[in-house]
């Protein structure tokens, strides 16, 4: 999160916005959870546990859709033979990337 979603103030890393006093803790927790699931997906890939990779990549993507999470989900989908989801994620990823 780079800015407060309420007042657009620059995010300073605190759980409460310095300008409008909005509680940003829940959003920060969601971002942290998404990063943890992405890391677990990477670890599962390294240990060749593709079902766990798919689970964690899907969870990371559902919490916070980033290009990295979408790419991980596309790869995990291929590895567990979910070709429809792999194609969907890859199409979404490449449609939004600059050429």
N, C-alpha and C. Protein backbone atom coordinates (compact mmCIF):
# COMPACT_ATOMS: atom_id res chain seq x y z
N UNK A 1 0.85 -1.15 0.00
CA UNK A 1 0.00 0.00 0.00
C UNK A 1 0.91 1.24 0.00
N UNK A 2 0.67 2.08 -0.94
CA UNK A 2 1.49 3.27 -1.05
C UNK A 2 0.78 4.52 -0.51
N UNK A 3 -0.56 4.48 -0.55
CA UNK A 3 -1.33 5.63 -0.11
C UNK A 3 -2.55 5.18 0.69
N UNK A 4 -3.02 6.04 1.56
CA UNK A 4 -4.24 5.77 2.32
C UNK A 4 -5.41 5.74 1.34
N UNK A 5 -6.23 4.70 1.36
CA UNK A 5 -7.36 4.63 0.44
C UNK A 5 -8.46 5.64 0.75
N UNK A 6 -8.44 6.23 1.94
CA UNK A 6 -9.47 7.19 2.32
C UNK A 6 -9.12 8.61 1.90
N UNK A 7 -7.91 9.06 2.25
CA UNK A 7 -7.56 10.46 1.99
C UNK A 7 -6.42 10.64 1.00
N UNK A 8 -5.83 9.53 0.55
CA UNK A 8 -4.74 9.54 -0.43
C UNK A 8 -3.41 10.08 0.12
N UNK A 9 -3.30 10.13 1.44
CA UNK A 9 -2.03 10.56 2.05
C UNK A 9 -1.00 9.46 1.84
N UNK A 10 0.26 9.84 1.74
CA UNK A 10 1.33 8.86 1.57
C UNK A 10 1.36 7.95 2.80
N UNK A 11 1.43 6.63 2.53
CA UNK A 11 1.44 5.64 3.60
C UNK A 11 2.80 5.66 4.28
N UNK A 12 2.78 5.85 5.61
CA UNK A 12 4.02 5.97 6.36
C UNK A 12 4.39 4.68 7.10
N UNK A 13 3.63 3.61 6.88
CA UNK A 13 3.94 2.35 7.54
C UNK A 13 3.25 2.16 8.87
N UNK A 14 2.46 3.13 9.29
CA UNK A 14 1.74 3.02 10.56
C UNK A 14 0.39 2.35 10.34
N UNK A 15 -0.17 1.82 11.41
CA UNK A 15 -1.46 1.14 11.32
C UNK A 15 -2.62 2.13 11.27
N UNK A 16 -2.36 3.40 11.53
CA UNK A 16 -3.39 4.44 11.46
C UNK A 16 -2.85 5.57 10.59
N UNK A 17 -3.67 6.04 9.66
CA UNK A 17 -3.25 7.13 8.78
C UNK A 17 -2.96 8.38 9.59
N UNK A 18 -1.84 9.00 9.31
CA UNK A 18 -1.45 10.19 10.05
C UNK A 18 -2.35 11.39 9.75
N UNK A 19 -3.00 11.39 8.59
CA UNK A 19 -3.85 12.52 8.22
C UNK A 19 -5.30 12.35 8.66
N UNK A 20 -5.93 11.24 8.26
CA UNK A 20 -7.38 11.10 8.50
C UNK A 20 -7.72 10.12 9.62
N UNK A 21 -6.71 9.48 10.16
CA UNK A 21 -6.87 8.53 11.27
C UNK A 21 -7.64 7.25 10.91
N UNK A 22 -7.68 6.91 9.61
CA UNK A 22 -8.28 5.66 9.18
C UNK A 22 -7.42 4.50 9.66
N UNK A 23 -8.06 3.44 10.15
CA UNK A 23 -7.35 2.24 10.57
C UNK A 23 -6.89 1.48 9.33
N UNK A 24 -5.59 1.46 9.09
CA UNK A 24 -5.02 0.78 7.94
C UNK A 24 -4.46 -0.59 8.30
N UNK A 25 -4.62 -0.99 9.54
CA UNK A 25 -4.06 -2.25 10.01
C UNK A 25 -4.58 -3.46 9.28
N UNK A 26 -5.88 -3.49 9.01
CA UNK A 26 -6.46 -4.65 8.32
C UNK A 26 -5.87 -4.77 6.92
N UNK A 27 -5.75 -3.65 6.21
CA UNK A 27 -5.17 -3.68 4.86
C UNK A 27 -3.71 -4.13 4.89
N UNK A 28 -2.97 -3.63 5.86
CA UNK A 28 -1.57 -4.02 6.00
C UNK A 28 -1.46 -5.53 6.29
N UNK A 29 -2.37 -6.04 7.13
CA UNK A 29 -2.36 -7.46 7.45
C UNK A 29 -2.67 -8.31 6.22
N UNK A 30 -3.60 -7.86 5.40
CA UNK A 30 -3.95 -8.58 4.17
C UNK A 30 -2.75 -8.62 3.23
N UNK A 31 -2.07 -7.50 3.08
CA UNK A 31 -0.88 -7.47 2.22
C UNK A 31 0.21 -8.41 2.76
N UNK A 32 0.39 -8.43 4.06
CA UNK A 32 1.39 -9.33 4.66
C UNK A 32 1.01 -10.79 4.44
N UNK A 33 -0.27 -11.11 4.61
CA UNK A 33 -0.73 -12.48 4.37
C UNK A 33 -0.51 -12.90 2.92
N UNK A 34 -0.79 -11.99 2.00
CA UNK A 34 -0.58 -12.29 0.58
C UNK A 34 0.89 -12.58 0.31
N UNK A 35 1.78 -11.79 0.89
CA UNK A 35 3.22 -12.02 0.71
C UNK A 35 3.65 -13.35 1.31
N UNK A 36 3.08 -13.71 2.46
CA UNK A 36 3.43 -14.99 3.09
C UNK A 36 2.99 -16.16 2.21
N UNK A 37 1.78 -16.07 1.63
CA UNK A 37 1.31 -17.14 0.76
C UNK A 37 2.16 -17.23 -0.51
N UNK A 38 2.58 -16.10 -1.02
CA UNK A 38 3.45 -16.10 -2.20
C UNK A 38 4.77 -16.79 -1.88
N UNK A 39 5.33 -16.51 -0.73
CA UNK A 39 6.58 -17.15 -0.30
C UNK A 39 6.38 -18.65 -0.13
N UNK A 40 5.24 -19.05 0.46
CA UNK A 40 4.96 -20.47 0.64
C UNK A 40 4.79 -21.17 -0.72
N UNK A 41 4.22 -20.46 -1.69
CA UNK A 41 4.09 -21.03 -3.04
C UNK A 41 5.47 -21.24 -3.66
N UNK A 42 6.37 -20.29 -3.46
CA UNK A 42 7.73 -20.42 -3.98
C UNK A 42 8.44 -21.60 -3.31
N UNK A 43 8.26 -21.74 -2.00
CA UNK A 43 8.88 -22.85 -1.27
C UNK A 43 8.32 -24.20 -1.74
N UNK A 44 7.01 -24.24 -1.98
CA UNK A 44 6.38 -25.47 -2.44
C UNK A 44 6.90 -25.84 -3.84
N UNK A 45 7.11 -24.85 -4.67
CA UNK A 45 7.68 -25.12 -5.99
C UNK A 45 9.07 -25.72 -5.86
N UNK A 46 9.87 -25.14 -4.97
CA UNK A 46 11.24 -25.63 -4.78
C UNK A 46 11.25 -27.08 -4.30
N UNK A 47 10.24 -27.46 -3.53
CA UNK A 47 10.17 -28.84 -3.03
C UNK A 47 9.30 -29.74 -3.92
N UNK A 48 8.89 -29.21 -5.08
CA UNK A 48 8.10 -29.95 -6.07
C UNK A 48 6.74 -30.42 -5.54
N UNK A 49 6.18 -29.66 -4.61
CA UNK A 49 4.84 -29.93 -4.10
C UNK A 49 3.87 -28.99 -4.81
N UNK A 50 3.48 -29.37 -6.02
CA UNK A 50 2.74 -28.47 -6.90
C UNK A 50 1.31 -28.22 -6.43
N UNK A 51 0.71 -29.16 -5.72
CA UNK A 51 -0.64 -28.93 -5.16
C UNK A 51 -0.59 -27.82 -4.12
N UNK A 52 0.42 -27.86 -3.26
CA UNK A 52 0.57 -26.80 -2.25
C UNK A 52 0.93 -25.47 -2.91
N UNK A 53 1.75 -25.54 -3.94
CA UNK A 53 2.10 -24.33 -4.69
C UNK A 53 0.83 -23.69 -5.25
N UNK A 54 -0.03 -24.52 -5.84
CA UNK A 54 -1.28 -24.02 -6.42
C UNK A 54 -2.16 -23.40 -5.33
N UNK A 55 -2.30 -24.09 -4.20
CA UNK A 55 -3.12 -23.58 -3.10
C UNK A 55 -2.63 -22.21 -2.64
N UNK A 56 -1.33 -22.10 -2.38
CA UNK A 56 -0.80 -20.84 -1.85
C UNK A 56 -0.80 -19.73 -2.91
N UNK A 57 -0.53 -20.08 -4.15
CA UNK A 57 -0.56 -19.06 -5.22
C UNK A 57 -1.98 -18.54 -5.41
N UNK A 58 -2.96 -19.43 -5.34
CA UNK A 58 -4.35 -19.01 -5.48
C UNK A 58 -4.76 -18.11 -4.32
N UNK A 59 -4.32 -18.46 -3.13
CA UNK A 59 -4.64 -17.66 -1.95
C UNK A 59 -3.96 -16.29 -2.03
N UNK A 60 -2.71 -16.25 -2.43
CA UNK A 60 -1.99 -14.97 -2.56
C UNK A 60 -2.68 -14.07 -3.56
N UNK A 61 -3.10 -14.66 -4.67
CA UNK A 61 -3.76 -13.90 -5.73
C UNK A 61 -5.12 -13.39 -5.28
N UNK A 62 -5.82 -14.17 -4.46
CA UNK A 62 -7.13 -13.73 -4.00
C UNK A 62 -7.01 -12.62 -2.96
N UNK A 63 -5.93 -12.61 -2.22
CA UNK A 63 -5.74 -11.55 -1.22
C UNK A 63 -5.26 -10.25 -1.84
N UNK A 64 -4.32 -10.37 -2.78
CA UNK A 64 -3.80 -9.16 -3.45
C UNK A 64 -3.27 -9.56 -4.81
N UNK A 65 -3.98 -9.15 -5.84
CA UNK A 65 -3.60 -9.51 -7.20
C UNK A 65 -2.48 -8.59 -7.67
N UNK A 66 -1.30 -9.16 -7.76
CA UNK A 66 -0.14 -8.45 -8.28
C UNK A 66 0.36 -9.22 -9.49
N UNK A 67 1.18 -8.61 -10.33
CA UNK A 67 1.75 -9.36 -11.45
C UNK A 67 2.52 -10.60 -10.99
N UNK A 68 3.23 -10.49 -9.89
CA UNK A 68 4.00 -11.62 -9.37
C UNK A 68 3.07 -12.75 -8.93
N UNK A 69 2.00 -12.41 -8.22
CA UNK A 69 1.05 -13.43 -7.76
C UNK A 69 0.32 -14.06 -8.93
N UNK A 70 -0.06 -13.26 -9.93
CA UNK A 70 -0.75 -13.80 -11.10
C UNK A 70 0.17 -14.73 -11.89
N UNK A 71 1.42 -14.36 -12.03
CA UNK A 71 2.38 -15.21 -12.73
C UNK A 71 2.60 -16.52 -12.00
N UNK A 72 2.69 -16.45 -10.68
CA UNK A 72 2.87 -17.66 -9.87
C UNK A 72 1.65 -18.57 -10.01
N UNK A 73 0.46 -17.97 -10.00
CA UNK A 73 -0.76 -18.77 -10.14
C UNK A 73 -0.85 -19.39 -11.53
N UNK A 74 -0.44 -18.66 -12.55
CA UNK A 74 -0.45 -19.22 -13.90
C UNK A 74 0.47 -20.43 -13.99
N UNK A 75 1.67 -20.32 -13.44
CA UNK A 75 2.62 -21.44 -13.47
C UNK A 75 2.12 -22.61 -12.64
N UNK A 76 1.58 -22.32 -11.45
CA UNK A 76 1.07 -23.39 -10.59
C UNK A 76 -0.10 -24.09 -11.26
N UNK A 77 -0.94 -23.34 -11.94
CA UNK A 77 -2.09 -23.92 -12.64
C UNK A 77 -1.64 -24.89 -13.72
N UNK A 78 -0.60 -24.52 -14.44
CA UNK A 78 -0.06 -25.43 -15.45
C UNK A 78 0.44 -26.73 -14.82
N UNK A 79 1.11 -26.60 -13.69
CA UNK A 79 1.72 -27.77 -13.05
C UNK A 79 0.70 -28.73 -12.45
N UNK A 80 -0.53 -28.24 -12.18
CA UNK A 80 -1.57 -29.12 -11.66
C UNK A 80 -2.64 -29.39 -12.72
N UNK A 81 -2.30 -29.09 -13.97
CA UNK A 81 -3.17 -29.35 -15.13
C UNK A 81 -4.49 -28.59 -15.10
N UNK A 82 -4.46 -27.38 -14.57
CA UNK A 82 -5.62 -26.49 -14.62
C UNK A 82 -5.36 -25.48 -15.74
N UNK A 83 -5.42 -25.97 -16.96
CA UNK A 83 -5.02 -25.19 -18.13
C UNK A 83 -5.93 -23.99 -18.36
N UNK A 84 -7.23 -24.12 -18.04
CA UNK A 84 -8.16 -23.01 -18.21
C UNK A 84 -7.76 -21.83 -17.32
N UNK A 85 -7.44 -22.12 -16.06
CA UNK A 85 -7.02 -21.08 -15.14
C UNK A 85 -5.66 -20.51 -15.52
N UNK A 86 -4.77 -21.36 -15.98
CA UNK A 86 -3.44 -20.91 -16.40
C UNK A 86 -3.56 -19.92 -17.55
N UNK A 87 -4.39 -20.25 -18.53
CA UNK A 87 -4.59 -19.37 -19.67
C UNK A 87 -5.24 -18.06 -19.25
N UNK A 88 -6.21 -18.14 -18.38
CA UNK A 88 -6.89 -16.95 -17.90
C UNK A 88 -5.93 -16.01 -17.16
N UNK A 89 -5.12 -16.57 -16.28
CA UNK A 89 -4.15 -15.76 -15.52
C UNK A 89 -3.10 -15.16 -16.43
N UNK A 90 -2.60 -15.97 -17.36
CA UNK A 90 -1.57 -15.48 -18.28
C UNK A 90 -2.12 -14.38 -19.18
N UNK A 91 -3.34 -14.57 -19.67
CA UNK A 91 -3.96 -13.55 -20.53
C UNK A 91 -4.16 -12.26 -19.75
N UNK A 92 -4.60 -12.37 -18.54
CA UNK A 92 -4.79 -11.19 -17.69
C UNK A 92 -3.45 -10.49 -17.42
N UNK A 93 -2.45 -11.28 -17.17
CA UNK A 93 -1.12 -10.74 -16.86
C UNK A 93 -0.52 -10.02 -18.06
N UNK A 94 -0.59 -10.62 -19.23
CA UNK A 94 0.02 -10.02 -20.41
C UNK A 94 -0.82 -8.87 -20.98
N UNK A 95 -2.11 -8.84 -20.69
CA UNK A 95 -2.96 -7.75 -21.16
C UNK A 95 -2.63 -6.44 -20.45
N UNK A 96 -2.14 -6.54 -19.21
CA UNK A 96 -1.85 -5.34 -18.42
C UNK A 96 -0.39 -4.97 -18.38
N UNK A 97 0.46 -5.75 -19.01
CA UNK A 97 1.89 -5.43 -18.98
C UNK A 97 2.25 -4.49 -20.13
N UNK A 98 3.12 -3.52 -19.86
CA UNK A 98 3.53 -2.59 -20.93
C UNK A 98 4.42 -3.29 -21.95
N UNK A 99 4.29 -2.91 -23.19
CA UNK A 99 5.10 -3.51 -24.25
C UNK A 99 6.40 -2.78 -24.45
